[in-house]
Protein backbone atom coordinates (compact mmCIF):
# COMPACT_ATOMS: atom_id res chain seq x y z
CA MET A 1 30.48 -88.34 -35.64
CA ILE A 2 30.16 -87.43 -39.13
CA ARG A 3 32.41 -90.11 -40.07
CA ASP A 4 30.24 -92.72 -38.51
CA LEU A 5 26.93 -91.35 -40.19
CA ARG A 6 28.97 -91.54 -43.52
CA PHE A 7 30.06 -95.13 -42.78
CA ALA A 8 26.43 -96.27 -41.92
CA ALA A 9 24.96 -94.51 -45.21
CA ARG A 10 27.70 -96.50 -47.32
CA MET A 11 26.85 -99.82 -45.73
CA LEU A 12 22.92 -99.17 -45.95
CA ARG A 13 23.72 -98.61 -49.79
CA LYS A 14 25.80 -101.67 -50.00
CA GLN A 15 22.97 -103.72 -48.61
CA PRO A 16 19.55 -102.83 -49.92
CA GLY A 17 17.79 -105.71 -48.63
CA PHE A 18 18.86 -104.86 -45.15
CA THR A 19 17.96 -101.47 -45.62
CA LEU A 20 14.55 -102.06 -46.72
CA ILE A 21 13.90 -104.56 -43.89
CA ALA A 22 15.19 -101.82 -41.48
CA VAL A 23 12.98 -99.03 -42.82
CA LEU A 24 9.86 -101.22 -42.86
CA THR A 25 10.62 -102.34 -39.45
CA LEU A 26 10.98 -98.55 -38.09
CA ALA A 27 7.74 -97.64 -40.19
CA LEU A 28 5.70 -100.22 -38.50
CA GLY A 29 7.15 -99.57 -34.95
CA ILE A 30 6.33 -95.90 -35.21
CA GLY A 31 2.94 -96.56 -36.82
CA ALA A 32 2.12 -99.21 -34.14
CA THR A 33 3.55 -96.85 -31.39
CA SER A 34 1.37 -94.02 -32.87
CA ALA A 35 -1.96 -95.95 -33.13
CA VAL A 36 -1.43 -97.21 -29.54
CA PHE A 37 -0.94 -93.76 -28.12
CA SER A 38 -3.96 -92.37 -30.02
CA LEU A 39 -6.15 -95.08 -28.57
CA ILE A 40 -5.03 -94.58 -25.01
CA HIS A 41 -5.31 -90.84 -25.37
CA GLY A 42 -8.86 -91.46 -26.80
CA VAL A 43 -9.97 -93.74 -23.99
CA LEU A 44 -8.14 -93.02 -20.96
CA LEU A 45 -6.62 -89.31 -21.19
CA ALA A 46 -9.08 -87.40 -22.88
CA PRO A 47 -12.02 -86.22 -20.93
CA PRO A 48 -15.49 -87.80 -21.81
CA PRO A 49 -17.69 -85.28 -24.04
CA TYR A 50 -20.15 -84.87 -21.42
CA ASP A 51 -20.61 -81.75 -18.99
CA GLN A 52 -19.06 -82.78 -15.71
CA PRO A 53 -18.12 -86.17 -16.25
CA GLN A 54 -16.87 -86.66 -12.69
CA ARG A 55 -20.45 -86.17 -11.53
CA LEU A 56 -22.03 -89.13 -13.63
CA MET A 57 -22.25 -92.70 -12.57
CA LEU A 58 -23.23 -95.69 -14.62
CA VAL A 59 -25.14 -98.26 -12.40
CA ARG A 60 -25.04 -101.52 -13.81
CA SER A 61 -27.46 -104.63 -13.07
CA ALA A 62 -25.70 -107.62 -11.23
CA ARG A 63 -26.73 -110.94 -9.90
CA THR A 64 -27.26 -111.29 -6.21
CA ASP A 65 -25.51 -114.58 -6.08
CA GLY A 66 -22.48 -113.24 -7.40
CA ALA A 67 -22.44 -115.14 -10.66
CA ALA A 68 -21.56 -113.79 -13.87
CA MET A 69 -24.18 -112.37 -16.28
CA PRO A 70 -23.64 -113.14 -20.11
CA SER A 71 -24.67 -109.65 -20.95
CA PRO A 72 -25.91 -106.64 -19.21
CA GLN A 73 -29.54 -106.75 -18.19
CA PRO A 74 -31.79 -103.69 -18.23
CA TRP A 75 -33.35 -102.33 -15.17
CA ALA A 76 -37.21 -103.06 -14.63
CA ALA A 77 -39.23 -99.99 -14.99
CA ALA A 78 -40.80 -100.33 -11.39
CA GLN A 79 -37.19 -100.45 -9.90
CA TRP A 80 -36.10 -97.19 -11.92
CA MET A 81 -39.21 -95.46 -10.81
CA GLU A 82 -38.65 -96.45 -7.39
CA TRP A 83 -34.97 -95.27 -7.34
CA GLN A 84 -36.24 -91.91 -8.91
CA LYS A 85 -38.66 -91.36 -6.12
CA GLN A 86 -36.44 -92.59 -3.21
CA SER A 87 -33.10 -91.16 -4.34
CA LYS A 88 -31.27 -88.71 -2.11
CA SER A 89 -27.71 -88.99 -3.26
CA PHE A 90 -28.30 -88.33 -7.07
CA ASP A 91 -29.66 -85.11 -8.54
CA SER A 92 -31.36 -87.23 -11.38
CA PHE A 93 -31.59 -90.45 -13.03
CA ALA A 94 -31.20 -91.22 -17.08
CA GLY A 95 -31.37 -94.46 -18.67
CA TYR A 96 -30.18 -95.82 -22.05
CA ALA A 97 -30.22 -99.01 -24.13
CA TRP A 98 -28.47 -99.62 -27.51
CA THR A 99 -30.62 -100.46 -30.35
CA PHE A 100 -29.99 -101.72 -33.84
CA ASN A 101 -32.62 -100.86 -36.47
CA PHE A 102 -32.94 -100.66 -40.09
CA LEU A 103 -34.30 -97.68 -41.95
CA ILE A 104 -36.04 -98.67 -45.00
CA ARG A 105 -36.37 -96.17 -47.72
CA SER A 106 -37.47 -96.44 -51.44
CA ASP A 107 -34.05 -96.14 -52.59
CA GLY A 108 -32.77 -98.80 -50.27
CA SER A 109 -32.19 -99.41 -46.57
CA GLU A 110 -29.48 -98.60 -43.95
CA SER A 111 -28.50 -100.20 -40.74
CA MET A 112 -28.63 -97.91 -37.66
CA GLU A 113 -26.93 -98.40 -34.51
CA GLY A 114 -28.31 -96.16 -31.77
CA MET A 115 -29.65 -95.42 -28.30
CA ALA A 116 -33.20 -95.35 -26.73
CA VAL A 117 -32.85 -92.89 -23.99
CA THR A 118 -35.10 -91.59 -21.33
CA LYS A 119 -36.41 -87.79 -21.58
CA ASP A 120 -33.61 -86.71 -19.12
CA TYR A 121 -30.81 -88.33 -20.72
CA PHE A 122 -29.65 -85.35 -22.60
CA ARG A 123 -29.97 -82.95 -19.62
CA VAL A 124 -28.10 -85.41 -17.27
CA VAL A 125 -25.04 -85.74 -19.44
CA GLY A 126 -25.05 -82.14 -20.65
CA ILE A 127 -25.69 -82.38 -24.38
CA LYS A 128 -27.86 -79.95 -26.17
CA PRO A 129 -29.15 -80.55 -29.93
CA MET A 130 -27.32 -78.13 -32.16
CA LEU A 131 -30.60 -77.97 -34.10
CA GLY A 132 -34.22 -78.44 -32.76
CA ARG A 133 -34.93 -79.85 -29.36
CA ALA A 134 -34.73 -82.76 -27.03
CA PHE A 135 -37.92 -84.56 -25.91
CA LEU A 136 -41.06 -82.85 -24.56
CA ASP A 137 -42.77 -84.13 -21.33
CA SER A 138 -45.77 -84.77 -23.47
CA GLU A 139 -43.94 -87.17 -25.55
CA THR A 140 -42.95 -89.46 -22.39
CA ALA A 141 -45.57 -88.94 -20.32
CA GLY A 142 -46.87 -92.68 -20.65
CA PRO A 143 -47.42 -95.00 -23.27
CA PRO A 144 -48.61 -93.53 -26.53
CA ALA A 145 -52.32 -93.87 -27.22
CA PRO A 146 -53.27 -96.36 -30.04
CA GLY A 147 -52.53 -94.56 -33.46
CA ALA A 148 -50.56 -91.79 -31.70
CA LEU A 149 -47.07 -91.15 -32.92
CA THR A 150 -44.28 -92.22 -31.16
CA PRO A 151 -41.80 -89.60 -29.62
CA ALA A 152 -39.56 -87.77 -32.21
CA PRO A 153 -36.02 -89.24 -32.58
CA VAL A 154 -33.07 -87.17 -32.10
CA PHE A 155 -30.48 -87.91 -34.75
CA GLY A 156 -26.75 -87.19 -34.95
CA ALA A 157 -25.67 -84.83 -37.43
CA GLY A 158 -23.60 -87.40 -39.47
CA PHE A 159 -26.72 -89.54 -40.11
CA VAL A 160 -28.70 -86.49 -41.16
CA GLU A 161 -25.99 -85.68 -43.58
CA ARG A 162 -26.04 -89.13 -45.20
CA ILE A 163 -29.88 -89.30 -45.20
CA GLY A 164 -30.65 -85.96 -46.45
CA ASN A 165 -33.53 -83.62 -45.55
CA ASN A 166 -36.02 -86.33 -46.20
CA ILE A 167 -35.86 -87.18 -42.59
CA ALA A 168 -36.41 -83.65 -41.06
CA ALA A 169 -40.25 -84.01 -41.04
CA VAL A 170 -40.02 -87.01 -38.27
CA MET A 171 -36.97 -85.56 -35.78
CA ALA A 172 -36.89 -83.45 -33.02
CA GLY A 173 -33.50 -82.50 -33.18
CA ILE A 174 -29.92 -82.97 -34.16
CA LEU A 175 -26.92 -83.67 -31.98
CA ALA A 176 -23.29 -82.14 -32.99
CA PRO A 177 -21.21 -84.32 -34.91
CA VAL A 178 -18.52 -83.98 -32.08
CA LEU A 179 -20.55 -86.03 -30.04
CA ILE A 180 -19.07 -89.61 -29.40
CA VAL A 181 -21.13 -91.94 -27.09
CA ALA A 182 -19.00 -94.94 -26.27
CA ARG A 183 -20.26 -98.24 -25.22
CA ALA A 184 -19.99 -98.94 -21.37
CA SER A 185 -18.11 -102.09 -20.91
């Protein structure tokens, strides 16, 4: 066995081009395998960052004629409220919609992707702000009166770190930095 290893080492030294290609091929193969395993672990094997994920259900819109929808459509508010009143199978409902906005400041602007959520969203998925609070009932009781402030936003810790304390006056709470919310496919 040791003789074979010495012979292999001698051959690799005699042909540096072949050795380089072999080492690069092994490195790429190991790197790609590691990346794929990390992706599979993060998406399929690791539990979602929610409290009791097995009790959560995503209800998506669909066409009654079975035709494909080009993109998910939001539920009508009347439908949403009717489900909350009539439901006997679910403890509670929470909704979300992905949003994309710009934060415009005197020193420049920044694009932000986030979620507009219903007041019970954090409670339903089992997320508590690490600082501050979630939404108050008074902030979500109905449409804001003319000139009234809209509900205070809840930001992720990473966003607050990038922006600084300037934003603290308008926010309700800060979510822990380990929170990862993936898009539903």
